[in-house]
Structure formats: structure tokens, C-alpha cells
C-alpha atoms as a PDB file:
ATOM      1  CA  MET A   1      51.964  35.176  99.389  1.00  0.00           C
ATOM      2  CA  LYS A   2      49.859  37.387  97.132  1.00  0.00           C
ATOM      3  CA  PRO A   3      51.613  38.842  94.073  1.00  0.00           C
ATOM      4  CA  GLU A   4      52.565  42.496  94.473  1.00  0.00           C
ATOM      5  CA  ILE A   5      51.391  44.777  91.688  1.00  0.00           C
ATOM      6  CA  ALA A   6      51.591  48.480  90.883  1.00  0.00           C
ATOM      7  CA  VAL A   7      48.345  50.169  89.827  1.00  0.00           C
ATOM      8  CA  LEU A   8      49.162  53.239  87.732  1.00  0.00           C
ATOM      9  CA  GLY A   9      46.942  56.256  87.249  1.00  0.00           C
ATOM     10  CA  SER A  10      44.820  58.052  89.784  1.00  0.00           C
ATOM     11  CA  VAL A  11      41.228  57.217  88.813  1.00  0.00           C
ATOM     12  CA  TRP A  12      39.974  53.656  89.224  1.00  0.00           C
ATOM     13  CA  THR A  13      36.410  52.441  89.586  1.00  0.00           C
ATOM     14  CA  ASN A  14      35.137  50.325  92.439  1.00  0.00           C
ATOM     15  CA  ASP A  15      34.677  47.481  89.921  1.00  0.00           C
ATOM     16  CA  VAL A  16      38.428  47.363  89.316  1.00  0.00           C
ATOM     17  CA  LEU A  17      39.387  47.810  92.942  1.00  0.00           C
ATOM     18  CA  GLY A  18      36.901  45.165  94.030  1.00  0.00           C
ATOM     19  CA  ALA A  19      38.239  42.697  91.464  1.00  0.00           C
ATOM     20  CA  LEU A  20      41.797  43.265  92.715  1.00  0.00           C
ATOM     21  CA  ASP A  21      40.924  43.038  96.385  1.00  0.00           C
ATOM     22  CA  GLY A  22      42.007  39.832  98.088  1.00  0.00           C
ATOM     23  CA  GLN A  23      44.037  38.542  95.140  1.00  0.00           C
ATOM     24  CA  PHE A  24      46.920  40.998  94.954  1.00  0.00           C
ATOM     25  CA  THR A  25      48.887  43.307  97.188  1.00  0.00           C
ATOM     26  CA  CYS A  26      48.295  46.592  95.389  1.00  0.00           C
ATOM     27  CA  HIS A  27      50.459  49.700  95.445  1.00  0.00           C
ATOM     28  CA  PHE A  28      49.266  53.007  93.988  1.00  0.00           C
ATOM     29  CA  PRO A  29      52.287  55.204  93.114  1.00  0.00           C
ATOM     30  CA  ALA A  30      50.143  58.126  91.908  1.00  0.00           C
ATOM     31  CA  ARG A  31      48.648  58.463  95.385  1.00  0.00           C
ATOM     32  CA  MET A  32      52.038  58.678  97.102  1.00  0.00           C
ATOM     33  CA  ALA A  33      53.742  61.819  98.329  1.00  0.00           C
ATOM     34  CA  GLN A  34      57.270  62.423  97.051  1.00  0.00           C
ATOM     35  CA  GLU A  35      59.069  60.874 100.043  1.00  0.00           C
ATOM     36  CA  GLU A  36      56.734  57.886 100.080  1.00  0.00           C
ATOM     37  CA  ARG A  37      57.238  57.400  96.358  1.00  0.00           C
ATOM     38  CA  ALA A  38      61.025  57.382  96.803  1.00  0.00           C
ATOM     39  CA  ALA A  39      60.753  54.745  99.535  1.00  0.00           C
ATOM     40  CA  PHE A  40      58.398  52.696  97.365  1.00  0.00           C
ATOM     41  CA  GLU A  41      60.819  52.717  94.435  1.00  0.00           C
ATOM     42  CA  ARG A  42      63.700  51.756  96.695  1.00  0.00           C
ATOM     43  CA  ASP A  43      62.103  49.084  98.892  1.00  0.00           C
ATOM     44  CA  ILE A  44      58.988  47.734  97.148  1.00  0.00           C
ATOM     45  CA  ALA A  45      59.314  48.294  93.397  1.00  0.00           C
ATOM     46  CA  PRO A  46      61.945  45.525  93.032  1.00  0.00           C
ATOM     47  CA  ARG A  47      59.272  43.044  94.195  1.00  0.00           C
ATOM     48  CA  ILE A  48      56.559  44.256  91.816  1.00  0.00           C
ATOM     49  CA  ARG A  49      55.706  41.522  89.296  1.00  0.00           C
ATOM     50  CA  ALA A  50      52.800  43.174  87.464  1.00  0.00           C
ATOM     51  CA  VAL A  51      51.558  46.598  86.456  1.00  0.00           C
ATOM     52  CA  LEU A  52      47.920  47.480  85.871  1.00  0.00           C
ATOM     53  CA  THR A  53      47.624  50.646  83.803  1.00  0.00           C
ATOM     54  CA  THR A  54      45.283  52.433  81.412  1.00  0.00           C
ATOM     55  CA  GLY A  55      45.504  53.081  77.707  1.00  0.00           C
ATOM     56  CA  THR A  56      46.290  56.737  78.288  1.00  0.00           C
ATOM     57  CA  VAL A  57      48.753  56.347  81.201  1.00  0.00           C
ATOM     58  CA  GLY A  58      50.552  53.367  79.664  1.00  0.00           C
ATOM     59  CA  LEU A  59      54.106  52.463  80.649  1.00  0.00           C
ATOM     60  CA  ASP A  60      57.296  53.537  78.901  1.00  0.00           C
ATOM     61  CA  ALA A  61      60.770  52.022  79.124  1.00  0.00           C
ATOM     62  CA  SER A  62      61.967  54.320  81.907  1.00  0.00           C
ATOM     63  CA  GLY A  63      58.821  53.637  83.931  1.00  0.00           C
ATOM     64  CA  ALA A  64      59.251  49.901  83.493  1.00  0.00           C
ATOM     65  CA  ALA A  65      62.888  50.129  84.577  1.00  0.00           C
ATOM     66  CA  VAL A  66      61.664  50.910  88.108  1.00  0.00           C
ATOM     67  CA  TYR A  67      60.300  47.337  88.245  1.00  0.00           C
ATOM     68  CA  PRO A  68      63.177  44.888  87.609  1.00  0.00           C
ATOM     69  CA  SER A  69      60.951  41.851  88.387  1.00  0.00           C
ATOM     70  CA  LEU A  70      58.125  42.923  86.092  1.00  0.00           C
ATOM     71  CA  GLU A  71      56.440  40.040  84.259  1.00  0.00           C
ATOM     72  CA  ILE A  72      53.184  41.433  82.864  1.00  0.00           C
ATOM     73  CA  VAL A  73      51.576  44.777  81.997  1.00  0.00           C
ATOM     74  CA  SER A  74      47.777  44.632  81.941  1.00  0.00           C
ATOM     75  CA  VAL A  75      46.215  47.575  80.099  1.00  0.00           C
ATOM     76  CA  HIS A  76      42.679  48.531  81.129  1.00  0.00           C
ATOM     77  CA  GLY A  77      41.663  49.670  77.648  1.00  0.00           C
ATOM     78  CA  VAL A  78      42.141  48.707  74.029  1.00  0.00           C
ATOM     79  CA  GLY A  79      44.781  51.272  73.030  1.00  0.00           C
ATOM     80  CA  VAL A  80      48.394  50.390  73.797  1.00  0.00           C
ATOM     81  CA  ASP A  81      50.178  53.283  72.057  1.00  0.00           C
ATOM     82  CA  ALA A  82      51.264  54.630  75.472  1.00  0.00           C
ATOM     83  CA  VAL A  83      53.047  51.338  76.237  1.00  0.00           C
ATOM     84  CA  ASP A  84      56.583  50.859  74.895  1.00  0.00           C
ATOM     85  CA  LEU A  85      55.939  47.473  73.330  1.00  0.00           C
ATOM     86  CA  GLU A  86      59.477  47.069  72.025  1.00  0.00           C
ATOM     87  CA  ALA A  87      60.970  47.676  75.452  1.00  0.00           C
ATOM     88  CA  MET A  88      58.553  45.204  77.045  1.00  0.00           C
ATOM     89  CA  ALA A  89      59.250  42.558  74.408  1.00  0.00           C
ATOM     90  CA  ALA A  90      63.006  42.973  74.904  1.00  0.00           C
ATOM     91  CA  ARG A  91      62.531  42.113  78.584  1.00  0.00           C
ATOM     92  CA  GLY A  92      60.084  39.275  77.926  1.00  0.00           C
ATOM     93  CA  ILE A  93      57.239  41.166  79.595  1.00  0.00           C
ATOM     94  CA  VAL A  94      53.732  40.142  78.545  1.00  0.00           C
ATOM     95  CA  VAL A  95      51.411  43.022  77.557  1.00  0.00           C
ATOM     96  CA  THR A  96      47.638  42.567  77.510  1.00  0.00           C
ATOM     97  CA  ASN A  97      44.669  44.825  76.772  1.00  0.00           C
ATOM     98  CA  THR A  98      40.866  44.622  76.779  1.00  0.00           C
ATOM     99  CA  PRO A  99      39.639  44.358  73.171  1.00  0.00           C
ATOM    100  CA  ASP A 100      36.120  43.467  72.040  1.00  0.00           C
ATOM    101  CA  VAL A 101      34.351  44.283  75.320  1.00  0.00           C
ATOM    102  CA  LEU A 102      34.290  48.018  74.534  1.00  0.00           C
ATOM    103  CA  THR A 103      33.649  47.812  70.792  1.00  0.00           C
ATOM    104  CA  GLU A 104      29.879  48.306  70.869  1.00  0.00           C
ATOM    105  CA  ASP A 105      29.824  51.226  73.299  1.00  0.00           C
ATOM    106  CA  VAL A 106      32.637  53.058  71.511  1.00  0.00           C
ATOM    107  CA  ALA A 107      30.815  52.573  68.203  1.00  0.00           C
ATOM    108  CA  ASP A 108      27.629  53.888  69.812  1.00  0.00           C
ATOM    109  CA  LEU A 109      29.442  57.029  70.925  1.00  0.00           C
ATOM    110  CA  ALA A 110      30.935  57.547  67.460  1.00  0.00           C
ATOM    111  CA  VAL A 111      27.454  57.490  65.944  1.00  0.00           C
ATOM    112  CA  SER A 112      26.105  59.707  68.741  1.00  0.00           C
ATOM    113  CA  LEU A 113      28.823  62.273  68.037  1.00  0.00           C
ATOM    114  CA  LEU A 114      28.188  62.116  64.311  1.00  0.00           C
ATOM    115  CA  LEU A 115      24.481  62.705  64.881  1.00  0.00           C
ATOM    116  CA  ALA A 116      25.112  65.460  67.412  1.00  0.00           C
ATOM    117  CA  GLY A 117      27.439  67.206  64.980  1.00  0.00           C
ATOM    118  CA  SER A 118      25.304  66.795  61.867  1.00  0.00           C
ATOM    119  CA  ARG A 119      22.030  67.771  63.577  1.00  0.00           C
ATOM    120  CA  ARG A 120      23.785  70.367  65.790  1.00  0.00           C
ATOM    121  CA  ILE A 121      22.131  69.005  68.919  1.00  0.00           C
ATOM    122  CA  PRO A 122      24.296  70.837  71.506  1.00  0.00           C
ATOM    123  CA  LEU A 123      23.701  74.129  69.684  1.00  0.00           C
ATOM    124  CA  LEU A 124      19.957  73.468  69.535  1.00  0.00           C
ATOM    125  CA  ASP A 125      19.936  72.651  73.238  1.00  0.00           C
ATOM    126  CA  ARG A 126      21.568  76.004  73.999  1.00  0.00           C
ATOM    127  CA  TYR A 127      19.153  77.722  71.603  1.00  0.00           C
ATOM    128  CA  VAL A 128      16.132  76.465  73.576  1.00  0.00           C
ATOM    129  CA  ARG A 129      17.694  77.064  77.012  1.00  0.00           C
ATOM    130  CA  ALA A 130      18.578  80.654  76.113  1.00  0.00           C
ATOM    131  CA  GLY A 131      14.997  81.449  75.129  1.00  0.00           C
ATOM    132  CA  ALA A 132      15.941  81.932  71.478  1.00  0.00           C
ATOM    133  CA  TRP A 133      13.070  79.722  70.325  1.00  0.00           C
ATOM    134  CA  GLU A 134      10.517  81.883  72.125  1.00  0.00           C
ATOM    135  CA  GLU A 135      12.144  84.980  70.686  1.00  0.00           C
ATOM    136  CA  LYS A 136      11.944  83.438  67.190  1.00  0.00           C
ATOM    137  CA  ARG A 137      15.610  84.008  66.459  1.00  0.00           C
ATOM    138  CA  PRO A 138      16.812  82.709  63.055  1.00  0.00           C
ATOM    139  CA  LEU A 139      17.852  79.062  62.953  1.00  0.00           C
ATOM    140  CA  THR A 140      19.736  77.341  60.125  1.00  0.00           C
ATOM    141  CA  PRO A 141      18.452  73.849  59.210  1.00  0.00           C
ATOM    142  CA  ALA A 142      20.725  70.840  59.584  1.00  0.00           C
ATOM    143  CA  ARG A 143      21.552  68.281  56.901  1.00  0.00           C
ATOM    144  CA  SER A 144      20.228  64.741  56.522  1.00  0.00           C
ATOM    145  CA  LEU A 145      22.504  61.700  56.752  1.00  0.00           C
ATOM    146  CA  ARG A 146      20.735  59.682  54.071  1.00  0.00           C
ATOM    147  CA  GLY A 147      22.736  59.285  50.886  1.00  0.00           C
ATOM    148  CA  LYS A 148      25.866  60.790  52.441  1.00  0.00           C
ATOM    149  CA  VAL A 149      29.234  59.055  52.463  1.00  0.00           C
ATOM    150  CA  VAL A 150      30.990  58.269  55.728  1.00  0.00           C
ATOM    151  CA  GLY A 151      34.674  57.486  55.523  1.00  0.00           C
ATOM    152  CA  ILE A 152      36.135  55.398  58.325  1.00  0.00           C
ATOM    153  CA  TYR A 153      39.862  55.606  59.012  1.00  0.00           C
ATOM    154  CA  GLY A 154      40.673  52.259  60.626  1.00  0.00           C
ATOM    155  CA  TYR A 155      38.344  49.434  59.677  1.00  0.00           C
ATOM    156  CA  GLY A 156      38.917  47.043  62.567  1.00  0.00           C
ATOM    157  CA  ARG A 157      36.371  45.897  65.132  1.00  0.00           C
ATOM    158  CA  ILE A 158      35.244  49.404  66.075  1.00  0.00           C
ATOM    159  CA  GLY A 159      35.311  50.781  62.538  1.00  0.00           C
ATOM    160  CA  GLN A 160      33.161  47.926  61.268  1.00  0.00           C
ATOM    161  CA  ALA A 161      30.736  48.338  64.183  1.00  0.00           C
ATOM    162  CA  VAL A 162      30.383  52.031  63.283  1.00  0.00           C
ATOM    163  CA  ALA A 163      29.719  51.095  59.652  1.00  0.00           C
ATOM    164  CA  LEU A 164      27.025  48.604  60.660  1.00  0.00           C
ATOM    165  CA  ARG A 165      25.164  51.316  62.562  1.00  0.00           C
ATOM    166  CA  LEU A 166      25.505  54.011  59.918  1.00  0.00           C
ATOM    167  CA  ARG A 167      24.297  51.779  57.110  1.00  0.00           C
ATOM    168  CA  ALA A 168      20.961  51.775  58.945  1.00  0.00           C
ATOM    169  CA  PHE A 169      20.838  55.546  58.382  1.00  0.00           C
ATOM    170  CA  GLY A 170      21.163  55.054  54.626  1.00  0.00           C
ATOM    171  CA  MET A 171      24.795  56.127  54.503  1.00  0.00           C
ATOM    172  CA  GLU A 172      27.405  54.832  52.070  1.00  0.00           C
ATOM    173  CA  ILE A 173      30.579  53.402  53.609  1.00  0.00           C
ATOM    174  CA  ARG A 174      34.182  53.902  52.545  1.00  0.00           C
ATOM    175  CA  TYR A 175      37.303  53.204  54.569  1.00  0.00           C
ATOM    176  CA  TYR A 176      41.071  53.391  54.596  1.00  0.00           C
ATOM    177  CA  GLN A 177      43.699  51.414  56.475  1.00  0.00           C
ATOM    178  CA  ARG A 178      47.098  50.047  55.504  1.00  0.00           C
ATOM    179  CA  SER A 179      45.857  46.466  55.081  1.00  0.00           C
ATOM    180  CA  GLU A 180      43.213  45.555  52.546  1.00  0.00           C
ATOM    181  CA  GLY A 181      40.517  44.894  55.161  1.00  0.00           C
ATOM    182  CA  PRO A 182      37.335  42.824  55.006  1.00  0.00           C
ATOM    183  CA  GLU A 183      35.570  44.772  52.218  1.00  0.00           C
ATOM    184  CA  PRO A 184      38.288  45.717  49.717  1.00  0.00           C
ATOM    185  CA  ALA A 185      35.804  47.177  47.229  1.00  0.00           C
ATOM    186  CA  LEU A 186      35.075  49.933  49.764  1.00  0.00           C
ATOM    187  CA  ARG A 187      38.727  50.726  50.514  1.00  0.00           C
ATOM    188  CA  CYS A 188      40.193  53.995  49.279  1.00  0.00           C
ATOM    189  CA  ALA A 189      43.800  54.160  48.132  1.00  0.00           C
ATOM    190  CA  SER A 190      44.840  56.685  50.799  1.00  0.00           C
ATOM    191  CA  LEU A 191      43.545  58.676  53.726  1.00  0.00           C
ATOM    192  CA  LEU A 192      43.546  61.789  51.518  1.00  0.00           C
ATOM    193  CA  ASP A 193      41.396  60.001  48.933  1.00  0.00           C
ATOM    194  CA  LEU A 194      39.061  58.836  51.699  1.00  0.00           C
ATOM    195  CA  ALA A 195      38.592  62.385  52.992  1.00  0.00           C
ATOM    196  CA  ALA A 196      37.934  63.712  49.486  1.00  0.00           C
ATOM    197  CA  ALA A 197      35.251  61.040  48.930  1.00  0.00           C
ATOM    198  CA  SER A 198      33.512  61.566  52.283  1.00  0.00           C
ATOM    199  CA  ASP A 199      30.940  63.857  53.837  1.00  0.00           C
ATOM    200  CA  PHE A 200      31.859  62.571  57.293  1.00  0.00           C
ATOM    201  CA  LEU A 201      35.241  61.197  58.375  1.00  0.00           C
ATOM    202  CA  VAL A 202      35.232  58.939  61.447  1.00  0.00           C
ATOM    203  CA  LEU A 203      38.607  58.170  63.030  1.00  0.00           C
ATOM    204  CA  ALA A 204      38.780  54.681  64.541  1.00  0.00           C
ATOM    205  CA  THR A 205      42.437  53.871  63.961  1.00  0.00           C
ATOM    206  CA  PRO A 206      45.005  52.967  66.642  1.00  0.00           C
ATOM    207  CA  GLY A 207      47.226  55.755  67.899  1.00  0.00           C
ATOM    208  CA  GLY A 208      51.012  55.705  67.963  1.00  0.00           C
ATOM    209  CA  ALA A 209      53.837  56.858  65.744  1.00  0.00           C
ATOM    210  CA  ALA A 210      52.364  55.337  62.571  1.00  0.00           C
ATOM    211  CA  THR A 211      49.231  57.502  62.732  1.00  0.00           C
ATOM    212  CA  ARG A 212      50.536  60.574  64.536  1.00  0.00           C
ATOM    213  CA  ARG A 213      48.943  63.690  62.978  1.00  0.00           C
ATOM    214  CA  ALA A 214      47.861  61.634  59.975  1.00  0.00           C
ATOM    215  CA  VAL A 215      44.828  63.917  59.747  1.00  0.00           C
ATOM    216  CA  ASP A 216      46.642  67.076  58.752  1.00  0.00           C
ATOM    217  CA  ALA A 217      45.668  70.281  56.951  1.00  0.00           C
ATOM    218  CA  ALA A 218      45.587  68.531  53.569  1.00  0.00           C
ATOM    219  CA  VAL A 219      43.184  65.852  54.822  1.00  0.00           C
ATOM    220  CA  LEU A 220      40.948  68.449  56.473  1.00  0.00           C
ATOM    221  CA  ASP A 221      40.888  70.535  53.296  1.00  0.00           C
ATOM    222  CA  ALA A 222      39.943  67.434  51.310  1.00  0.00           C
ATOM    223  CA  LEU A 223      37.044  66.795  53.701  1.00  0.00           C
ATOM    224  CA  GLY A 224      35.976  70.354  52.989  1.00  0.00           C
ATOM    225  CA  PRO A 225      33.704  73.149  54.231  1.00  0.00           C
ATOM    226  CA  GLU A 226      30.656  70.890  54.398  1.00  0.00           C
ATOM    227  CA  GLY A 227      32.524  67.953  55.919  1.00  0.00           C
ATOM    228  CA  THR A 228      32.474  66.754  59.522  1.00  0.00           C
ATOM    229  CA  LEU A 229      35.332  65.111  61.412  1.00  0.00           C
ATOM    230  CA  VAL A 230      34.500  62.619  64.184  1.00  0.00           C
ATOM    231  CA  ASN A 231      37.341  61.379  66.398  1.00  0.00           C
ATOM    232  CA  ILE A 232      36.911  58.484  68.840  1.00  0.00           C
ATOM    233  CA  ALA A 233      40.437  57.143  68.190  1.00  0.00           C
ATOM    234  CA  ARG A 234      43.307  59.088  69.777  1.00  0.00           C
ATOM    235  CA  GLY A 235      43.954  62.812  69.901  1.00  0.00           C
ATOM    236  CA  SER A 236      47.418  62.212  68.453  1.00  0.00           C
ATOM    237  CA  VAL A 237      45.873  61.143  65.115  1.00  0.00           C
ATOM    238  CA  VAL A 238      44.831  64.756  64.377  1.00  0.00           C
ATOM    239  CA  ASP A 239      46.993  67.828  63.932  1.00  0.00           C
ATOM    240  CA  GLU A 240      44.983  69.832  66.451  1.00  0.00           C
ATOM    241  CA  ALA A 241      46.372  73.224  65.435  1.00  0.00           C
ATOM    242  CA  ALA A 242      45.451  72.496  61.813  1.00  0.00           C
ATOM    243  CA  LEU A 243      41.970  71.424  62.948  1.00  0.00           C
ATOM    244  CA  VAL A 244      41.417  74.653  64.879  1.00  0.00           C
ATOM    245  CA  ALA A 245      42.554  76.687  61.859  1.00  0.00           C
ATOM    246  CA  ALA A 246      40.370  74.738  59.397  1.00  0.00           C
ATOM    247  CA  LEU A 247      37.272  75.135  61.570  1.00  0.00           C
ATOM    248  CA  GLY A 248      37.946  78.795  62.295  1.00  0.00           C
ATOM    249  CA  GLU A 249      38.532  79.646  58.637  1.00  0.00           C
ATOM    250  CA  GLY A 250      35.512  77.692  57.391  1.00  0.00           C
ATOM    251  CA  ARG A 251      37.619  75.163  55.465  1.00  0.00           C
ATOM    252  CA  LEU A 252      36.022  72.381  57.559  1.00  0.00           C
ATOM    253  CA  GLY A 253      32.347  72.344  58.396  1.00  0.00           C
ATOM    254  CA  ALA A 254      32.244  70.757  61.849  1.00  0.00           C
ATOM    255  CA  ALA A 255      33.967  68.412  64.280  1.00  0.00           C
ATOM    256  CA  ALA A 256      32.788  66.038  66.999  1.00  0.00           C
ATOM    257  CA  LEU A 257      35.617  64.989  69.288  1.00  0.00           C
ATOM    258  CA  ASP A 258      36.002  62.583  72.198  1.00  0.00           C
ATOM    259  CA  VAL A 259      39.814  62.647  72.301  1.00  0.00           C
ATOM    260  CA  PHE A 260      42.446  65.381  72.228  1.00  0.00           C
ATOM    261  CA  GLU A 261      46.198  65.859  71.848  1.00  0.00           C
ATOM    262  CA  ASP A 262      46.863  66.985  75.426  1.00  0.00           C
ATOM    263  CA  GLU A 263      44.062  65.528  77.531  1.00  0.00           C
ATOM    264  CA  PRO A 264      42.375  66.765  79.636  1.00  0.00           C
ATOM    265  CA  ARG A 265      43.403  70.160  78.269  1.00  0.00           C
ATOM    266  CA  VAL A 266      41.235  71.163  75.307  1.00  0.00           C
ATOM    267  CA  PRO A 267      42.092  74.297  73.287  1.00  0.00           C
ATOM    268  CA  GLY A 268      39.931  77.272  74.187  1.00  0.00           C
ATOM    269  CA  ALA A 269      39.271  77.867  70.489  1.00  0.00           C
ATOM    270  CA  LEU A 270      37.567  74.463  70.182  1.00  0.00           C
ATOM    271  CA  ARG A 271      35.511  75.053  73.339  1.00  0.00           C
ATOM    272  CA  ALA A 272      34.286  78.372  71.939  1.00  0.00           C
ATOM    273  CA  MET A 273      33.087  77.083  68.559  1.00  0.00           C
ATOM    274  CA  ASP A 274      29.404  76.357  67.922  1.00  0.00           C
ATOM    275  CA  ASN A 275      30.252  73.890  65.162  1.00  0.00           C
ATOM    276  CA  VAL A 276      32.216  71.605  67.512  1.00  0.00           C
ATOM    277  CA  VAL A 277      30.847  68.890  69.816  1.00  0.00           C
ATOM    278  CA  LEU A 278      33.119  67.868  72.710  1.00  0.00           C
ATOM    279  CA  THR A 279      33.065  64.899  75.082  1.00  0.00           C
ATOM    280  CA  PRO A 280      35.735  63.956  77.685  1.00  0.00           C
ATOM    281  CA  HIS A 281      37.171  60.663  76.309  1.00  0.00           C
ATOM    282  CA  VAL A 282      34.187  58.563  77.342  1.00  0.00           C
ATOM    283  CA  GLY A 283      33.871  56.056  74.497  1.00  0.00           C
ATOM    284  CA  SER A 284      33.855  53.068  76.860  1.00  0.00           C
ATOM    285  CA  PHE A 285      32.404  54.905  79.843  1.00  0.00           C
ATOM    286  CA  THR A 286      29.306  52.854  80.559  1.00  0.00           C
ATOM    287  CA  VAL A 287      28.638  50.771  83.641  1.00  0.00           C
ATOM    288  CA  GLU A 288      28.442  47.565  81.633  1.00  0.00           C
ATOM    289  CA  THR A 289      31.601  48.072  79.602  1.00  0.00           C
ATOM    290  CA  ARG A 290      33.720  49.270  82.521  1.00  0.00           C
ATOM    291  CA  ARG A 291      32.705  46.154  84.465  1.00  0.00           C
ATOM    292  CA  ALA A 292      33.648  43.953  81.517  1.00  0.00           C
ATOM    293  CA  MET A 293      36.972  45.784  81.089  1.00  0.00           C
ATOM    294  CA  ALA A 294      37.743  45.334  84.787  1.00  0.00           C
ATOM    295  CA  ARG A 295      37.001  41.610  84.613  1.00  0.00           C
ATOM    296  CA  LEU A 296      39.227  41.171  81.569  1.00  0.00           C
ATOM    297  CA  ALA A 297      42.119  43.337  82.799  1.00  0.00           C
ATOM    298  CA  VAL A 298      42.179  41.540  86.146  1.00  0.00           C
ATOM    299  CA  GLY A 299      41.509  38.208  84.434  1.00  0.00           C
ATOM    300  CA  ASN A 300      44.723  38.608  82.470  1.00  0.00           C
ATOM    301  CA  LEU A 301      46.619  39.039  85.732  1.00  0.00           C
ATOM    302  CA  GLU A 302      44.868  36.050  87.296  1.00  0.00           C
ATOM    303  CA  ALA A 303      45.697  33.831  84.330  1.00  0.00           C
ATOM    304  CA  HIS A 304      49.341  34.880  84.346  1.00  0.00           C
ATOM    305  CA  PHE A 305      49.871  34.207  88.035  1.00  0.00           C
ATOM    306  CA  ALA A 306      48.038  30.875  87.765  1.00  0.00           C
ATOM    307  CA  GLY A 307      50.548  29.799  85.132  1.00  0.00           C
ATOM    308  CA  ARG A 308      48.068  30.004  82.240  1.00  0.00           C
ATOM    309  CA  PRO A 309      48.428  31.988  79.007  1.00  0.00           C
ATOM    310  CA  ALA A 310      47.110  35.549  79.134  1.00  0.00           C
ATOM    311  CA  LEU A 311      43.522  35.901  77.917  1.00  0.00           C
ATOM    312  CA  THR A 312      44.144  38.777  75.505  1.00  0.00           C
ATOM    313  CA  PRO A 313      47.855  39.303  74.843  1.00  0.00           C
ATOM    314  CA  VAL A 314      48.836  42.146  72.561  1.00  0.00           C
ATOM    315  CA  GLY A 315      50.512  40.925  69.393  1.00  0.00           C
END
């Protein structure tokens, strides 16, 4: 008999669905009407042995309680801040994610956002489309990257991949994280010190309680009116109200954001600003990376049910 699993969230690619097909009996709670969901929780959920979820949907303790036979939670993504790891550990539930396979594409997007913000590419695109070039309207020049300092908050796989790319632009690298990291000479003593030393601040740190709103008004003020914030980490890392105020009051120069506090809702003030670049949480959204993530997320389930250790357990 095929293992029964719950697939959480409402948007899944054909790569994931195809990898699941034939190996598992899949149930999709998000697609169920209220009465169907109640019947599922009563009759089927007690047989569910695995959950496949995303980094943003996750699984908390109350959600996991619906599945008394749960053995493994496979996260399709690298972030696990939406999974209650303590609750899973207390029940002996294995949690896995998909590290490494998305590192390069997320780093590419971070650099793309930094370039788009520094060279004001979206604004220039609108300038040409609106006919402003033909009308010879005034245009303020952008700033070069060469010789500037980029601070990276979170110097793990993704942070180091971002640094590798930006060094090629002639930028100086600094970073901050709680541990010393691989290049201690480049580590600042605090996030505030990092912001004060940087022209650009790239957020590549995990989300969760430890980093919630770590980028607050003081950090934004330290980055300053010519500084640019780039966030490809989690929206929870930034105090979004403080960010809107700093941008609106000119205390921060620009922002380039792929993640937000209340996705997919983005504050209207951010959407209206010309000095802000916005993308819809697409750091890993390439054909190649999504295929690799699907293989790894499903591979963790396959290994577990074959009696082998998980490929990429968390912790």
C-alpha cells in the first residue's frame, strides 16, 4: 500500500506533482471545501504519515496535531521558520528541507535586485515607455558599484554566493552573523555596525524569532540616505513600517525587496515609491531550481519510506 501524505499549500508545479505520482496517495487539504476538509480530518488524517509543505506555509504544532501518525515533514524550500521544529522534535518527527539546490539562483536574484535598485532600472524602463526620453525630461544619474561596500547579513551558503558575485563588480564585502563565519576579518561586531559600514545591505539570514524585525529604524538610519536595502531572506527580518517611514522621509536611499511581512500583500506605500524595486518572492523561481527542489523534497520522502536516512534533515 502506498504511503498516504498530505500536500499543504495551493500552488504546486507539475514537476512536484509528477514526482509524487505513483509513489504516494496524496491528499490536498487546501483544495477541499469545508465539509470535505472535516471528513478528511476525521477519517483520513489519522493515516497520514508524511506532510509535504513549503517554506512559507510550513506546519505548526496545532496543524501537526491533526496527523497523529505523522513521521516526516518535507519542506519544499530552504527556510523552515514556518515549521515548529520544537514541536516536531518532541514527537520524533523528521523535518527536511532543500538546501544548496537553490543557492545560486537566489544569489543571482539578490545581485539582480541590487543592480536594479542602484541603476534604477525599473524607473528607467518606465521613463522610456512613457516617452520621457523623447521629451527630454530631466534624469538623475545613478551611482557606480565599484569601490562601494556591501554588507551581508547572514553569511551562509547564499550570503557567500552573493559575495562571490559582487566581488566581480569591485565591491568590498563585510558581513554579520552570530557565529564567526568563514572570513572573520570581514565580520562586523553587530548588525548596526554592519549597516553603518555599508553602502548596500543584503539580507540573507534565516527568518524566525531570532531575526524578527532585526532590521529596525536604527539599522535603516545607520544605512543612511544614500544606502540601499536588499532583502531576499524573509519579510519578517525587516520592520516594514519602519522601512516605509525611512524611505518616505529620505532617511534611506532605496530598497529592493523580494519578500514581505504579510505576503502576498505589499504595502501601497512601497508600491508607489520610485526608489523601490519589488519582486514576488521568486528567488528560487527558475525551471532548473524548481525541478531540483522537487527531486530533493520528494527524495527525502522516498528515503524515509524506504527505511533510509533522510537526504537533507534539518538540524
